[in-house]
């Protein structure tokens, strides 16, 4: 249970930081949350897959967009194997 609560706290912190600054970088997110770049990347990937978060524009000049009501019916099932992670819609 503690692990889930910590992850939820990290997700909420990332979303709050993106709300404050939609152009925030991965490096800024790692500094402000105290989490590794890999953890930030994993959480952002999950948020993108569920439709909660989207990147608008390029990596360098773009910004993040938070979708307030992601489409729950379009949430994929995540399958992991030893070489890659894939999503099925």
Protein backbone atom coordinates (compact mmCIF):
# COMPACT_ATOMS: atom_id res chain seq x y z
CA UNK A 1 0.00 0.00 0.00
CA UNK A 2 2.77 2.46 0.77
CA UNK A 3 4.30 2.05 -2.68
CA UNK A 4 0.99 2.93 -4.36
CA UNK A 5 0.57 5.99 -2.15
CA UNK A 6 4.09 7.15 -2.96
CA UNK A 7 3.47 6.70 -6.68
CA UNK A 8 0.19 8.62 -6.46
CA UNK A 9 2.02 11.43 -4.65
CA UNK A 10 4.66 11.52 -7.38
CA UNK A 11 2.02 11.53 -10.14
CA UNK A 12 0.15 14.36 -8.41
CA UNK A 13 3.39 16.30 -7.93
CA UNK A 14 4.29 15.92 -11.62
CA UNK A 15 0.83 17.05 -12.73
CA UNK A 16 0.92 20.04 -10.36
CA UNK A 17 4.34 21.09 -11.66
CA UNK A 18 3.16 20.76 -15.26
CA UNK A 19 0.08 22.87 -14.45
CA UNK A 20 2.36 25.58 -13.03
CA UNK A 21 4.73 25.45 -16.01
CA UNK A 22 3.50 23.60 -19.13
CA UNK A 23 6.96 23.96 -20.71
CA UNK A 24 8.74 22.24 -17.79
CA UNK A 25 11.56 19.85 -18.72
CA UNK A 26 12.31 16.34 -17.51
CA UNK A 27 15.38 17.75 -15.74
CA UNK A 28 13.29 20.30 -13.85
CA UNK A 29 10.80 17.58 -12.88
CA UNK A 30 13.62 15.39 -11.51
CA UNK A 31 15.04 18.27 -9.48
CA UNK A 32 11.69 19.35 -8.04
CA UNK A 33 10.36 15.86 -7.24
CA UNK A 34 13.64 14.26 -6.17
CA UNK A 35 12.89 11.26 -8.39
CA UNK A 36 15.15 9.80 -11.06
CA UNK A 37 14.77 10.69 -14.73
CA UNK A 38 13.73 7.09 -15.40
CA UNK A 39 10.93 7.30 -12.81
CA UNK A 40 9.69 10.60 -14.30
CA UNK A 41 9.85 9.11 -17.79
CA UNK A 42 7.92 5.99 -16.74
CA UNK A 43 5.16 8.01 -15.06
CA UNK A 44 4.84 10.42 -18.00
CA UNK A 45 4.59 7.46 -20.38
CA UNK A 46 1.77 6.00 -18.27
CA UNK A 47 -0.01 9.38 -18.22
CA UNK A 48 0.31 9.68 -22.01
CA UNK A 49 -1.04 6.15 -22.58
CA UNK A 50 -4.08 6.81 -20.40
CA UNK A 51 -4.77 10.12 -22.18
CA UNK A 52 -4.18 12.25 -19.09
CA UNK A 53 -1.12 13.98 -20.54
CA UNK A 54 -0.05 14.95 -24.06
CA UNK A 55 2.98 16.69 -25.53
CA UNK A 56 2.12 19.49 -27.94
CA UNK A 57 4.87 20.53 -30.34
CA UNK A 58 8.48 19.50 -30.41
CA UNK A 59 10.61 18.21 -27.56
CA UNK A 60 12.59 21.46 -27.51
CA UNK A 61 9.92 24.13 -27.97
CA UNK A 62 6.70 22.28 -27.15
CA UNK A 63 4.65 22.12 -23.98
CA UNK A 64 2.59 19.65 -21.93
CA UNK A 65 -1.20 19.58 -22.05
CA UNK A 66 -3.19 17.99 -19.22
CA UNK A 67 -6.52 16.48 -20.25
CA UNK A 68 -8.92 16.94 -17.36
CA UNK A 69 -11.26 14.10 -18.36
CA UNK A 70 -9.30 11.38 -20.11
CA UNK A 71 -11.39 8.92 -22.08
CA UNK A 72 -11.73 6.02 -19.64
CA UNK A 73 -13.07 3.68 -22.31
CA UNK A 74 -9.90 4.13 -24.41
CA UNK A 75 -7.50 3.18 -21.66
CA UNK A 76 -5.22 0.44 -22.93
CA UNK A 77 -4.24 -2.78 -21.27
CA UNK A 78 -0.50 -2.75 -20.62
CA UNK A 79 1.47 -5.90 -21.31
CA UNK A 80 5.12 -6.24 -20.34
CA UNK A 81 7.54 -8.81 -21.55
CA UNK A 82 11.27 -9.09 -21.06
CA UNK A 83 12.17 -6.87 -24.03
CA UNK A 84 9.51 -4.19 -24.33
CA UNK A 85 6.28 -2.78 -23.05
CA UNK A 86 3.29 -2.66 -25.38
CA UNK A 87 -0.22 -1.31 -25.16
CA UNK A 88 -3.36 -2.80 -26.66
CA UNK A 89 -6.42 -0.60 -27.19
